[in-house]
Amino acid sequence: MVLSIILLLLLGLMMAGRMVNFVTHAGKNVTGPQSGRHFEEVTLENPDESDKIVVVPVEGMITGEWDPTGRSMVDVIADQLRLAGKDSDVKAVILKVDSPGGEVMASDDISRAISDFQDKYNKPVVAAMGGLAASGGYYVSVPCQWIVANELTITGSIGVILSSYNYRGLMDKVGLKPVVFKSGKFKDMLRGSKTPDEIDPAEQKMIQDMIMETYNKFKDVVKTGRDRAKSKNNGKGRTLVDDWQSYADGRILTGKNAYELGFVDQLGNFQTAVDATRQLAGISSKKAHIIRYEEPFSLARLFGFGASMKGNDSKVLKIDLGLDLPKVEAGRPYFLSSTVAH
């Protein structure tokens, strides 16, 4: 009986979720899944227009971590770009960015997906920056053919950060002493229980060299993206100032600063980005059919539980009803704004 009650409650929640989904999208032309089971097409504006522009959001911490359904932010964005590419009615994509950045690998994967989409399908992607598009948020924006920012957008923060904690002083206070067995000299790099004397200068140099290699890759992505945009836009938009690298030192910039330095092409709001996208895509009508792809309702996504699909943990049930705060792990490099990293 208890099991029956639980199942009835879950069924009721599912039906309630369906009803919320229906009411939320009433009048928005919700269609069936466009690529199998993952997405539904939702109209945001102008359903009577034939030429479509897809809005793809990049919101919050950029991460490659899997969600309860076994998919990551990178997977979701790549799937949406693939859908937009295969739909002949879709003429362009707006990347709606509101993010402080995040993991280096996830940011790079999304950046590559955007570049590959534009090359493969010959459809422009326009970045529409919200309140925050810094570090990794800028990294995923810069491959776009056109970048629009508000004057007050926080962007820039071009750089890499890797942090750890040294808790040896605390251990000494409580009488704890680490015992470490290792296979090689550098196997315990960034170990937090080292005394200052145990930290090898060669270890510090190795880590700093790795950071600088990743940082140089960031600058190369910026230069390549802005040069590509300049070529595609036939002289329109902004170009990087000659000394742009002196501003790529981790500092944050306002949208206005970024525009003056050539990091973005235009100042404005989301509608400005829509108008720019329509012109770049060659949409003759003064309006376009603005859509987004939405994942269908599921209890796993609503409550944050589901079967873990990593490794051999396929039978482990994960339940998380708490706040999903940004997870910054010690020892992992990030393209992350300094306002969040600490």
C-alpha atoms as a PDB file:
ATOM      1  CA  MET A   1       0.000   0.000   0.000  1.00  0.00           C
ATOM      2  CA  VAL A   2       2.855   2.372   0.856  1.00  0.00           C
ATOM      3  CA  LEU A   3       4.443   1.678  -2.517  1.00  0.00           C
ATOM      4  CA  SER A   4       1.122   2.331  -4.252  1.00  0.00           C
ATOM      5  CA  ILE A   5       0.738   5.657  -2.442  1.00  0.00           C
ATOM      6  CA  ILE A   6       4.281   6.681  -3.418  1.00  0.00           C
ATOM      7  CA  LEU A   7       3.645   5.754  -7.044  1.00  0.00           C
ATOM      8  CA  LEU A   8       0.372   7.712  -7.042  1.00  0.00           C
ATOM      9  CA  LEU A   9       2.147  10.744  -5.565  1.00  0.00           C
ATOM     10  CA  LEU A  10       4.862  10.539  -8.220  1.00  0.00           C
ATOM     11  CA  LEU A  11       2.234  10.196 -10.936  1.00  0.00           C
ATOM     12  CA  GLY A  12       0.423  13.228  -9.538  1.00  0.00           C
ATOM     13  CA  LEU A  13       3.632  15.229  -9.522  1.00  0.00           C
ATOM     14  CA  MET A  14       4.338  14.218 -13.093  1.00  0.00           C
ATOM     15  CA  MET A  15       0.856  15.263 -14.198  1.00  0.00           C
ATOM     16  CA  ALA A  16       1.222  18.545 -12.292  1.00  0.00           C
ATOM     17  CA  GLY A  17       4.523  19.139 -14.023  1.00  0.00           C
ATOM     18  CA  ARG A  18       2.923  18.481 -17.375  1.00  0.00           C
ATOM     19  CA  MET A  19       0.168  20.950 -16.524  1.00  0.00           C
ATOM     20  CA  VAL A  20       2.712  23.600 -15.469  1.00  0.00           C
ATOM     21  CA  ASN A  21       4.587  22.983 -18.702  1.00  0.00           C
ATOM     22  CA  PHE A  22       1.368  23.359 -20.707  1.00  0.00           C
ATOM     23  CA  VAL A  23       0.297  26.570 -18.938  1.00  0.00           C
ATOM     24  CA  THR A  24       3.793  28.074 -19.187  1.00  0.00           C
ATOM     25  CA  HIS A  25       3.936  27.482 -22.920  1.00  0.00           C
ATOM     26  CA  ALA A  26       0.321  28.115 -23.781  1.00  0.00           C
ATOM     27  CA  GLY A  27       0.221  30.002 -27.038  1.00  0.00           C
ATOM     28  CA  LYS A  28       3.918  29.370 -27.689  1.00  0.00           C
ATOM     29  CA  ASN A  29       3.531  26.683 -30.310  1.00  0.00           C
ATOM     30  CA  VAL A  30       5.065  23.746 -28.451  1.00  0.00           C
ATOM     31  CA  THR A  31       5.799  21.028 -30.984  1.00  0.00           C
ATOM     32  CA  GLY A  32       6.898  17.439 -30.638  1.00  0.00           C
ATOM     33  CA  PRO A  33      10.502  16.371 -30.089  1.00  0.00           C
ATOM     34  CA  GLN A  34      12.732  17.369 -32.979  1.00  0.00           C
ATOM     35  CA  SER A  35      15.667  15.008 -32.382  1.00  0.00           C
ATOM     36  CA  GLY A  36      14.245  11.982 -30.693  1.00  0.00           C
ATOM     37  CA  ARG A  37      13.742  12.207 -26.949  1.00  0.00           C
ATOM     38  CA  HIS A  38      15.732  15.212 -25.785  1.00  0.00           C
ATOM     39  CA  PHE A  39      14.056  18.426 -26.935  1.00  0.00           C
ATOM     40  CA  GLU A  40      10.827  20.148 -27.824  1.00  0.00           C
ATOM     41  CA  GLU A  41      10.714  23.273 -29.963  1.00  0.00           C
ATOM     42  CA  VAL A  42       9.179  26.265 -28.196  1.00  0.00           C
ATOM     43  CA  THR A  43       8.225  29.495 -29.945  1.00  0.00           C
ATOM     44  CA  LEU A  44       9.259  32.711 -28.206  1.00  0.00           C
ATOM     45  CA  GLU A  45       8.258  35.286 -30.839  1.00  0.00           C
ATOM     46  CA  ASN A  46       6.628  35.575 -34.262  1.00  0.00           C
ATOM     47  CA  PRO A  47       5.342  32.037 -34.916  1.00  0.00           C
ATOM     48  CA  ASP A  48       3.978  33.031 -38.343  1.00  0.00           C
ATOM     49  CA  GLU A  49       7.439  33.770 -39.757  1.00  0.00           C
ATOM     50  CA  SER A  50       9.179  30.971 -41.649  1.00  0.00           C
ATOM     51  CA  ASP A  51      12.827  31.846 -40.986  1.00  0.00           C
ATOM     52  CA  LYS A  52      13.927  30.732 -37.533  1.00  0.00           C
ATOM     53  CA  ILE A  53      16.541  31.969 -35.088  1.00  0.00           C
ATOM     54  CA  VAL A  54      17.380  29.591 -32.230  1.00  0.00           C
ATOM     55  CA  VAL A  55      18.281  30.922 -28.781  1.00  0.00           C
ATOM     56  CA  VAL A  56      20.809  28.666 -27.022  1.00  0.00           C
ATOM     57  CA  PRO A  57      21.431  29.629 -23.368  1.00  0.00           C
ATOM     58  CA  VAL A  58      24.763  29.334 -21.567  1.00  0.00           C
ATOM     59  CA  GLU A  59      23.849  30.092 -17.979  1.00  0.00           C
ATOM     60  CA  GLY A  60      25.653  29.653 -14.679  1.00  0.00           C
ATOM     61  CA  MET A  61      28.854  27.756 -14.057  1.00  0.00           C
ATOM     62  CA  ILE A  62      30.248  26.096 -17.187  1.00  0.00           C
ATOM     63  CA  THR A  63      30.866  22.478 -16.301  1.00  0.00           C
ATOM     64  CA  GLY A  64      31.305  19.090 -17.866  1.00  0.00           C
ATOM     65  CA  GLU A  65      29.680  17.387 -14.892  1.00  0.00           C
ATOM     66  CA  TRP A  66      26.842  15.037 -15.721  1.00  0.00           C
ATOM     67  CA  ASP A  67      23.341  15.839 -14.528  1.00  0.00           C
ATOM     68  CA  PRO A  68      21.006  13.178 -13.088  1.00  0.00           C
ATOM     69  CA  THR A  69      19.900  12.185 -16.602  1.00  0.00           C
ATOM     70  CA  GLY A  70      23.481  11.387 -17.610  1.00  0.00           C
ATOM     71  CA  ARG A  71      24.111  14.449 -19.804  1.00  0.00           C
ATOM     72  CA  SER A  72      26.359  17.468 -19.307  1.00  0.00           C
ATOM     73  CA  MET A  73      25.992  21.137 -20.200  1.00  0.00           C
ATOM     74  CA  VAL A  74      28.395  20.490 -23.087  1.00  0.00           C
ATOM     75  CA  ASP A  75      26.161  17.679 -24.398  1.00  0.00           C
ATOM     76  CA  VAL A  76      23.025  19.799 -24.163  1.00  0.00           C
ATOM     77  CA  ILE A  77      24.534  22.753 -26.032  1.00  0.00           C
ATOM     78  CA  ALA A  78      26.116  20.508 -28.693  1.00  0.00           C
ATOM     79  CA  ASP A  79      22.772  18.746 -29.228  1.00  0.00           C
ATOM     80  CA  GLN A  80      20.967  22.059 -29.666  1.00  0.00           C
ATOM     81  CA  LEU A  81      23.542  23.267 -32.182  1.00  0.00           C
ATOM     82  CA  ARG A  82      23.202  20.003 -34.088  1.00  0.00           C
ATOM     83  CA  LEU A  83      19.430  20.435 -34.211  1.00  0.00           C
ATOM     84  CA  ALA A  84      19.774  24.014 -35.412  1.00  0.00           C
ATOM     85  CA  GLY A  85      22.216  22.947 -38.087  1.00  0.00           C
ATOM     86  CA  LYS A  86      19.993  20.216 -39.499  1.00  0.00           C
ATOM     87  CA  ASP A  87      16.828  22.337 -39.597  1.00  0.00           C
ATOM     88  CA  SER A  88      16.829  24.150 -42.942  1.00  0.00           C
ATOM     89  CA  ASP A  89      14.409  26.766 -41.572  1.00  0.00           C
ATOM     90  CA  VAL A  90      16.923  27.789 -38.915  1.00  0.00           C
ATOM     91  CA  LYS A  91      19.068  30.573 -40.328  1.00  0.00           C
ATOM     92  CA  ALA A  92      21.139  31.518 -37.275  1.00  0.00           C
ATOM     93  CA  VAL A  93      21.744  30.977 -33.556  1.00  0.00           C
ATOM     94  CA  ILE A  94      21.875  33.418 -30.663  1.00  0.00           C
ATOM     95  CA  LEU A  95      24.130  32.245 -27.828  1.00  0.00           C
ATOM     96  CA  LYS A  96      22.592  33.869 -24.749  1.00  0.00           C
ATOM     97  CA  VAL A  97      25.450  34.040 -22.252  1.00  0.00           C
ATOM     98  CA  ASP A  98      25.111  34.784 -18.555  1.00  0.00           C
ATOM     99  CA  SER A  99      28.024  32.989 -16.934  1.00  0.00           C
ATOM    100  CA  PRO A 100      31.090  33.666 -14.764  1.00  0.00           C
ATOM    101  CA  GLY A 101      32.973  30.934 -16.630  1.00  0.00           C
ATOM    102  CA  GLY A 102      33.956  27.546 -15.325  1.00  0.00           C
ATOM    103  CA  GLU A 103      35.953  24.463 -16.198  1.00  0.00           C
ATOM    104  CA  VAL A 104      38.687  24.794 -18.808  1.00  0.00           C
ATOM    105  CA  MET A 105      37.784  21.625 -20.719  1.00  0.00           C
ATOM    106  CA  ALA A 106      34.041  22.278 -20.740  1.00  0.00           C
ATOM    107  CA  SER A 107      34.565  25.867 -21.937  1.00  0.00           C
ATOM    108  CA  ASP A 108      36.877  24.668 -24.692  1.00  0.00           C
ATOM    109  CA  ASP A 109      34.445  21.955 -25.798  1.00  0.00           C
ATOM    110  CA  ILE A 110      31.601  24.479 -26.117  1.00  0.00           C
ATOM    111  CA  SER A 111      33.850  26.953 -27.925  1.00  0.00           C
ATOM    112  CA  ARG A 112      34.861  24.268 -30.435  1.00  0.00           C
ATOM    113  CA  ALA A 113      31.247  23.208 -30.920  1.00  0.00           C
ATOM    114  CA  ILE A 114      30.322  26.789 -31.859  1.00  0.00           C
ATOM    115  CA  SER A 115      33.214  27.110 -34.304  1.00  0.00           C
ATOM    116  CA  ASP A 116      32.456  23.739 -35.876  1.00  0.00           C
ATOM    117  CA  PHE A 117      28.750  24.620 -36.194  1.00  0.00           C
ATOM    118  CA  GLN A 118      29.503  27.819 -38.109  1.00  0.00           C
ATOM    119  CA  ASP A 119      31.999  26.051 -40.375  1.00  0.00           C
ATOM    120  CA  LYS A 120      29.829  23.002 -41.073  1.00  0.00           C
ATOM    121  CA  TYR A 121      26.439  24.655 -41.562  1.00  0.00           C
ATOM    122  CA  ASN A 122      27.500  28.146 -42.654  1.00  0.00           C
ATOM    123  CA  LYS A 123      25.050  29.721 -40.208  1.00  0.00           C
ATOM    124  CA  PRO A 124      26.125  32.645 -38.009  1.00  0.00           C
ATOM    125  CA  VAL A 125      26.166  32.517 -34.222  1.00  0.00           C
ATOM    126  CA  VAL A 126      25.692  35.786 -32.344  1.00  0.00           C
ATOM    127  CA  ALA A 127      26.640  36.082 -28.668  1.00  0.00           C
ATOM    128  CA  ALA A 128      24.164  38.077 -26.586  1.00  0.00           C
ATOM    129  CA  MET A 129      25.868  38.826 -23.284  1.00  0.00           C
ATOM    130  CA  GLY A 130      23.743  39.266 -20.193  1.00  0.00           C
ATOM    131  CA  GLY A 131      24.853  40.668 -16.858  1.00  0.00           C
ATOM    132  CA  LEU A 132      27.927  38.418 -16.694  1.00  0.00           C
ATOM    133  CA  ALA A 133      29.995  36.873 -19.473  1.00  0.00           C
ATOM    134  CA  ALA A 134      33.455  36.691 -17.961  1.00  0.00           C
ATOM    135  CA  SER A 135      36.438  34.371 -18.337  1.00  0.00           C
ATOM    136  CA  GLY A 136      34.955  31.083 -19.622  1.00  0.00           C
ATOM    137  CA  GLY A 137      31.799  33.059 -20.416  1.00  0.00           C
ATOM    138  CA  TYR A 138      33.875  35.144 -22.805  1.00  0.00           C
ATOM    139  CA  TYR A 139      35.795  32.067 -24.017  1.00  0.00           C
ATOM    140  CA  VAL A 140      32.572  30.519 -25.358  1.00  0.00           C
ATOM    141  CA  SER A 141      31.436  33.871 -26.819  1.00  0.00           C
ATOM    142  CA  VAL A 142      34.535  34.792 -28.772  1.00  0.00           C
ATOM    143  CA  PRO A 143      34.148  32.191 -31.585  1.00  0.00           C
ATOM    144  CA  CYS A 144      30.807  33.818 -32.468  1.00  0.00           C
ATOM    145  CA  GLN A 145      30.600  35.892 -35.628  1.00  0.00           C
ATOM    146  CA  TRP A 146      29.134  38.859 -33.742  1.00  0.00           C
ATOM    147  CA  ILE A 147      29.157  39.758 -30.031  1.00  0.00           C
ATOM    148  CA  VAL A 148      26.631  42.075 -28.384  1.00  0.00           C
ATOM    149  CA  ALA A 149      27.071  43.300 -24.805  1.00  0.00           C
ATOM    150  CA  ASN A 150      25.228  45.719 -22.590  1.00  0.00           C
ATOM    151  CA  GLU A 151      27.268  48.714 -21.416  1.00  0.00           C
ATOM    152  CA  LEU A 152      27.072  47.301 -17.887  1.00  0.00           C
ATOM    153  CA  THR A 153      27.860  43.678 -18.759  1.00  0.00           C
ATOM    154  CA  ILE A 154      30.766  42.281 -16.741  1.00  0.00           C
ATOM    155  CA  THR A 155      33.075  40.519 -19.167  1.00  0.00           C
ATOM    156  CA  GLY A 156      36.779  40.039 -19.840  1.00  0.00           C
ATOM    157  CA  SER A 157      38.615  38.305 -16.977  1.00  0.00           C
ATOM    158  CA  ILE A 158      40.771  36.553 -19.584  1.00  0.00           C
ATOM    159  CA  GLY A 159      42.950  34.157 -17.659  1.00  0.00           C
ATOM    160  CA  VAL A 160      43.300  30.843 -15.859  1.00  0.00           C
ATOM    161  CA  ILE A 161      43.169  30.044 -12.160  1.00  0.00           C
ATOM    162  CA  LEU A 162      44.104  26.903 -10.250  1.00  0.00           C
ATOM    163  CA  SER A 163      43.922  26.940  -6.474  1.00  0.00           C
ATOM    164  CA  SER A 164      44.549  24.607  -3.584  1.00  0.00           C
ATOM    165  CA  TYR A 165      44.606  24.753   0.217  1.00  0.00           C
ATOM    166  CA  ASN A 166      47.543  24.285   2.550  1.00  0.00           C
ATOM    167  CA  TYR A 167      46.303  23.092   5.919  1.00  0.00           C
ATOM    168  CA  ARG A 168      49.627  21.985   7.426  1.00  0.00           C
ATOM    169  CA  GLY A 169      49.534  24.766  10.014  1.00  0.00           C
ATOM    170  CA  LEU A 170      46.177  23.519  11.272  1.00  0.00           C
ATOM    171  CA  MET A 171      47.454  19.931  11.363  1.00  0.00           C
ATOM    172  CA  ASP A 172      50.461  20.971  13.447  1.00  0.00           C
ATOM    173  CA  LYS A 173      48.174  22.714  15.930  1.00  0.00           C
ATOM    174  CA  VAL A 174      46.136  19.574  16.567  1.00  0.00           C
ATOM    175  CA  GLY A 175      49.105  17.203  16.479  1.00  0.00           C
ATOM    176  CA  LEU A 176      48.539  15.485  13.136  1.00  0.00           C
ATOM    177  CA  LYS A 177      51.466  14.430  10.980  1.00  0.00           C
ATOM    178  CA  PRO A 178      51.010  13.160   7.404  1.00  0.00           C
ATOM    179  CA  VAL A 179      52.540   9.881   6.309  1.00  0.00           C
ATOM    180  CA  VAL A 180      52.920   9.764   2.509  1.00  0.00           C
ATOM    181  CA  PHE A 181      54.124   6.973   0.219  1.00  0.00           C
ATOM    182  CA  LYS A 182      54.599   7.955  -3.413  1.00  0.00           C
ATOM    183  CA  SER A 183      55.967   6.466  -6.605  1.00  0.00           C
ATOM    184  CA  GLY A 184      57.673   9.589  -7.891  1.00  0.00           C
ATOM    185  CA  LYS A 185      59.029  12.958  -6.863  1.00  0.00           C
ATOM    186  CA  PHE A 186      56.039  14.935  -8.134  1.00  0.00           C
ATOM    187  CA  LYS A 187      53.258  12.459  -7.361  1.00  0.00           C
ATOM    188  CA  ASP A 188      52.002  14.593  -4.467  1.00  0.00           C
ATOM    189  CA  MET A 189      51.977  17.938  -6.226  1.00  0.00           C
ATOM    190  CA  LEU A 190      49.563  20.388  -4.570  1.00  0.00           C
ATOM    191  CA  ARG A 191      49.304  18.178  -1.475  1.00  0.00           C
ATOM    192  CA  GLY A 192      47.862  20.418   1.206  1.00  0.00           C
ATOM    193  CA  SER A 193      49.732  18.821   4.115  1.00  0.00           C
ATOM    194  CA  LYS A 194      53.209  19.927   2.983  1.00  0.00           C
ATOM    195  CA  THR A 195      55.292  22.359   4.976  1.00  0.00           C
ATOM    196  CA  PRO A 196      56.566  25.382   3.028  1.00  0.00           C
ATOM    197  CA  ASP A 197      60.041  23.801   2.967  1.00  0.00           C
ATOM    198  CA  GLU A 198      58.658  20.650   1.311  1.00  0.00           C
ATOM    199  CA  ILE A 199      57.244  22.540  -1.668  1.00  0.00           C
ATOM    200  CA  ASP A 200      59.770  21.993  -4.450  1.00  0.00           C
ATOM    201  CA  PRO A 201      60.426  25.086  -6.628  1.00  0.00           C
ATOM    202  CA  ALA A 202      60.422  22.733  -9.637  1.00  0.00           C
ATOM    203  CA  GLU A 203      56.866  21.732  -8.702  1.00  0.00           C
ATOM    204  CA  GLN A 204      55.780  25.370  -8.585  1.00  0.00           C
ATOM    205  CA  LYS A 205      57.392  26.026 -11.972  1.00  0.00           C
ATOM    206  CA  MET A 206      55.734  22.972 -13.505  1.00  0.00           C
ATOM    207  CA  ILE A 207      52.291  24.071 -12.365  1.00  0.00           C
ATOM    208  CA  GLN A 208      52.865  27.668 -13.423  1.00  0.00           C
ATOM    209  CA  ASP A 209      54.060  26.519 -16.870  1.00  0.00           C
ATOM    210  CA  MET A 210      50.876  24.484 -17.262  1.00  0.00           C
ATOM    211  CA  ILE A 211      48.779  27.515 -16.288  1.00  0.00           C
ATOM    212  CA  MET A 212      50.613  29.727 -18.775  1.00  0.00           C
ATOM    213  CA  GLU A 213      50.197  27.155 -21.564  1.00  0.00           C
ATOM    214  CA  THR A 214      46.440  27.144 -20.954  1.00  0.00           C
ATOM    215  CA  TYR A 215      46.417  30.955 -20.719  1.00  0.00           C
ATOM    216  CA  ASN A 216      48.211  31.239 -24.073  1.00  0.00           C
ATOM    217  CA  LYS A 217      45.557  28.953 -25.550  1.00  0.00           C
ATOM    218  CA  PHE A 218      42.890  31.337 -24.228  1.00  0.00           C
ATOM    219  CA  LYS A 219      44.590  34.300 -25.909  1.00  0.00           C
ATOM    220  CA  ASP A 220      44.925  32.330 -29.149  1.00  0.00           C
ATOM    221  CA  VAL A 221      41.176  31.553 -29.071  1.00  0.00           C
ATOM    222  CA  VAL A 222      40.464  35.271 -28.588  1.00  0.00           C
ATOM    223  CA  LYS A 223      42.741  36.326 -31.454  1.00  0.00           C
ATOM    224  CA  THR A 224      41.472  33.614 -33.803  1.00  0.00           C
ATOM    225  CA  GLY A 225      37.817  34.326 -32.986  1.00  0.00           C
ATOM    226  CA  ARG A 226      38.065  38.071 -33.447  1.00  0.00           C
ATOM    227  CA  ASP A 227      40.077  37.740 -36.675  1.00  0.00           C
ATOM    228  CA  ARG A 228      37.541  35.256 -38.022  1.00  0.00           C
ATOM    229  CA  ALA A 229      34.674  37.597 -37.149  1.00  0.00           C
ATOM    230  CA  LYS A 230      36.432  40.488 -38.874  1.00  0.00           C
ATOM    231  CA  SER A 231      36.823  38.420 -42.030  1.00  0.00           C
ATOM    232  CA  LYS A 232      33.223  37.173 -41.992  1.00  0.00           C
ATOM    233  CA  ASN A 233      31.724  40.589 -41.257  1.00  0.00           C
ATOM    234  CA  ASN A 234      33.442  42.338 -44.168  1.00  0.00           C
ATOM    235  CA  GLY A 235      34.903  45.124 -42.096  1.00  0.00           C
ATOM    236  CA  LYS A 236      31.847  45.670 -39.912  1.00  0.00           C
ATOM    237  CA  GLY A 237      32.029  45.359 -36.156  1.00  0.00           C
ATOM    238  CA  ARG A 238      35.007  46.055 -33.952  1.00  0.00           C
ATOM    239  CA  THR A 239      38.590  44.854 -34.159  1.00  0.00           C
ATOM    240  CA  LEU A 240      41.018  44.248 -31.313  1.00  0.00           C
ATOM    241  CA  VAL A 241      43.189  47.199 -30.382  1.00  0.00           C
ATOM    242  CA  ASP A 242      46.915  46.715 -30.918  1.00  0.00           C
ATOM    243  CA  ASP A 243      47.708  46.336 -27.225  1.00  0.00           C
ATOM    244  CA  TRP A 244      44.713  44.133 -26.407  1.00  0.00           C
ATOM    245  CA  GLN A 245      46.908  41.545 -24.668  1.00  0.00           C
ATOM    246  CA  SER A 246      47.783  44.036 -21.946  1.00  0.00           C
ATOM    247  CA  TYR A 247      44.093  43.931 -20.989  1.00  0.00           C
ATOM    248  CA  ALA A 248      44.027  40.117 -21.009  1.00  0.00           C
ATOM    249  CA  ASP A 249      45.559  39.920 -17.545  1.00  0.00           C
ATOM    250  CA  GLY A 250      42.543  38.667 -15.629  1.00  0.00           C
ATOM    251  CA  ARG A 251      40.927  42.066 -15.141  1.00  0.00           C
ATOM    252  CA  ILE A 252      37.186  42.366 -15.569  1.00  0.00           C
ATOM    253  CA  LEU A 253      35.776  44.813 -18.114  1.00  0.00           C
ATOM    254  CA  THR A 254      32.433  46.500 -18.535  1.00  0.00           C
ATOM    255  CA  GLY A 255      30.655  45.995 -21.836  1.00  0.00           C
ATOM    256  CA  LYS A 256      31.603  49.553 -22.738  1.00  0.00           C
ATOM    257  CA  ASN A 257      35.296  48.895 -21.999  1.00  0.00           C
ATOM    258  CA  ALA A 258      35.161  45.681 -24.022  1.00  0.00           C
ATOM    259  CA  TYR A 259      33.587  47.514 -26.963  1.00  0.00           C
ATOM    260  CA  GLU A 260      36.282  50.196 -26.928  1.00  0.00           C
ATOM    261  CA  LEU A 261      39.014  47.537 -26.876  1.00  0.00           C
ATOM    262  CA  GLY A 262      37.449  45.446 -29.645  1.00  0.00           C
ATOM    263  CA  PHE A 263      36.451  42.439 -27.540  1.00  0.00           C
ATOM    264  CA  VAL A 264      32.784  42.886 -28.531  1.00  0.00           C
ATOM    265  CA  ASP A 265      31.180  44.259 -31.703  1.00  0.00           C
ATOM    266  CA  GLN A 266      28.131  46.149 -30.518  1.00  0.00           C
ATOM    267  CA  LEU A 267      26.492  47.599 -27.423  1.00  0.00           C
ATOM    268  CA  GLY A 268      22.824  46.920 -26.777  1.00  0.00           C
ATOM    269  CA  ASN A 269      20.306  44.504 -25.329  1.00  0.00           C
ATOM    270  CA  PHE A 270      18.883  41.174 -26.419  1.00  0.00           C
ATOM    271  CA  GLN A 271      16.708  42.795 -29.074  1.00  0.00           C
ATOM    272  CA  THR A 272      19.851  44.408 -30.481  1.00  0.00           C
ATOM    273  CA  ALA A 273      21.318  40.910 -30.791  1.00  0.00           C
ATOM    274  CA  VAL A 274      18.163  39.673 -32.533  1.00  0.00           C
ATOM    275  CA  ASP A 275      18.308  42.510 -35.070  1.00  0.00           C
ATOM    276  CA  ALA A 276      22.013  41.903 -35.703  1.00  0.00           C
ATOM    277  CA  THR A 277      21.402  38.171 -36.133  1.00  0.00           C
ATOM    278  CA  ARG A 278      18.612  38.751 -38.638  1.00  0.00           C
ATOM    279  CA  GLN A 279      20.890  40.980 -40.727  1.00  0.00           C
ATOM    280  CA  LEU A 280      23.855  38.601 -40.585  1.00  0.00           C
ATOM    281  CA  ALA A 281      21.645  35.670 -41.589  1.00  0.00           C
ATOM    282  CA  GLY A 282      20.175  37.590 -44.519  1.00  0.00           C
ATOM    283  CA  ILE A 283      16.584  37.308 -43.267  1.00  0.00           C
ATOM    284  CA  SER A 284      14.655  39.713 -45.479  1.00  0.00           C
ATOM    285  CA  SER A 285      11.616  39.997 -43.237  1.00  0.00           C
ATOM    286  CA  LYS A 286      11.744  42.576 -40.450  1.00  0.00           C
ATOM    287  CA  LYS A 287      10.890  39.784 -38.024  1.00  0.00           C
ATOM    288  CA  ALA A 288      12.064  36.234 -37.489  1.00  0.00           C
ATOM    289  CA  HIS A 289      10.570  33.204 -35.782  1.00  0.00           C
ATOM    290  CA  ILE A 290      12.481  33.124 -32.475  1.00  0.00           C
ATOM    291  CA  ILE A 291      12.567  29.675 -30.858  1.00  0.00           C
ATOM    292  CA  ARG A 292      14.390  27.710 -28.235  1.00  0.00           C
ATOM    293  CA  TYR A 293      14.810  23.992 -27.634  1.00  0.00           C
ATOM    294  CA  GLU A 294      13.489  22.779 -24.315  1.00  0.00           C
ATOM    295  CA  GLU A 295      13.983  19.432 -22.660  1.00  0.00           C
ATOM    296  CA  PRO A 296      10.694  17.714 -21.837  1.00  0.00           C
ATOM    297  CA  PHE A 297       9.587  17.564 -18.224  1.00  0.00           C
ATOM    298  CA  SER A 298      10.997  14.707 -16.157  1.00  0.00           C
ATOM    299  CA  LEU A 299      10.993  13.909 -12.459  1.00  0.00           C
ATOM    300  CA  ALA A 300      14.744  13.326 -12.560  1.00  0.00           C
ATOM    301  CA  ARG A 301      15.346  16.884 -13.702  1.00  0.00           C
ATOM    302  CA  LEU A 302      12.725  18.324 -11.335  1.00  0.00           C
ATOM    303  CA  PHE A 303      14.050  16.709  -8.138  1.00  0.00           C
ATOM    304  CA  GLY A 304      17.654  16.090  -9.126  1.00  0.00           C
ATOM    305  CA  PHE A 305      17.630  12.331  -8.789  1.00  0.00           C
ATOM    306  CA  GLY A 306      18.307   9.547 -11.195  1.00  0.00           C
ATOM    307  CA  ALA A 307      20.522   6.613 -11.925  1.00  0.00           C
ATOM    308  CA  SER A 308      24.159   7.589 -12.108  1.00  0.00           C
ATOM    309  CA  MET A 309      25.596   6.622 -15.493  1.00  0.00           C
ATOM    310  CA  LYS A 310      29.273   7.093 -14.653  1.00  0.00           C
ATOM    311  CA  GLY A 311      31.583   4.140 -14.663  1.00  0.00           C
ATOM    312  CA  ASN A 312      30.250   1.137 -12.793  1.00  0.00           C
ATOM    313  CA  ASP A 313      27.809   3.140 -10.664  1.00  0.00           C
ATOM    314  CA  SER A 314      24.796   2.488 -12.921  1.00  0.00           C
ATOM    315  CA  LYS A 315      22.807   1.024 -10.013  1.00  0.00           C
ATOM    316  CA  VAL A 316      23.425   3.872  -7.577  1.00  0.00           C
ATOM    317  CA  LEU A 317      20.460   6.156  -6.922  1.00  0.00           C
ATOM    318  CA  LYS A 318      21.466   9.797  -6.468  1.00  0.00           C
ATOM    319  CA  ILE A 319      19.102  12.138  -4.632  1.00  0.00           C
ATOM    320  CA  ASP A 320      19.873  15.822  -4.175  1.00  0.00           C
ATOM    321  CA  LEU A 321      17.191  18.192  -2.948  1.00  0.00           C
ATOM    322  CA  GLY A 322      19.634  20.907  -1.827  1.00  0.00           C
ATOM    323  CA  LEU A 323      20.942  23.990  -3.567  1.00  0.00           C
ATOM    324  CA  ASP A 324      23.104  23.331  -6.582  1.00  0.00           C
ATOM    325  CA  LEU A 325      25.906  25.792  -5.855  1.00  0.00           C
ATOM    326  CA  PRO A 326      28.949  26.206  -8.124  1.00  0.00           C
ATOM    327  CA  LYS A 327      31.508  23.532  -7.307  1.00  0.00           C
ATOM    328  CA  VAL A 328      35.097  24.782  -7.547  1.00  0.00           C
ATOM    329  CA  GLU A 329      37.460  21.887  -6.941  1.00  0.00           C
ATOM    330  CA  ALA A 330      40.966  22.296  -5.584  1.00  0.00           C
ATOM    331  CA  GLY A 331      43.608  21.340  -8.122  1.00  0.00           C
ATOM    332  CA  ARG A 332      41.409  21.815 -11.200  1.00  0.00           C
ATOM    333  CA  PRO A 333      42.128  24.696 -13.620  1.00  0.00           C
ATOM    334  CA  TYR A 334      39.305  27.107 -14.420  1.00  0.00           C
ATOM    335  CA  PHE A 335      38.459  29.919 -16.795  1.00  0.00           C
ATOM    336  CA  LEU A 336      36.649  31.675 -13.965  1.00  0.00           C
ATOM    337  CA  SER A 337      36.069  35.290 -13.018  1.00  0.00           C
ATOM    338  CA  SER A 338      37.956  36.280  -9.887  1.00  0.00           C
ATOM    339  CA  THR A 339      34.679  37.515  -8.393  1.00  0.00           C
ATOM    340  CA  VAL A 340      33.597  33.861  -8.141  1.00  0.00           C
ATOM    341  CA  ALA A 341      36.868  31.951  -7.867  1.00  0.00           C
ATOM    342  CA  HIS A 342      37.474  32.926  -4.259  1.00  0.00           C
END
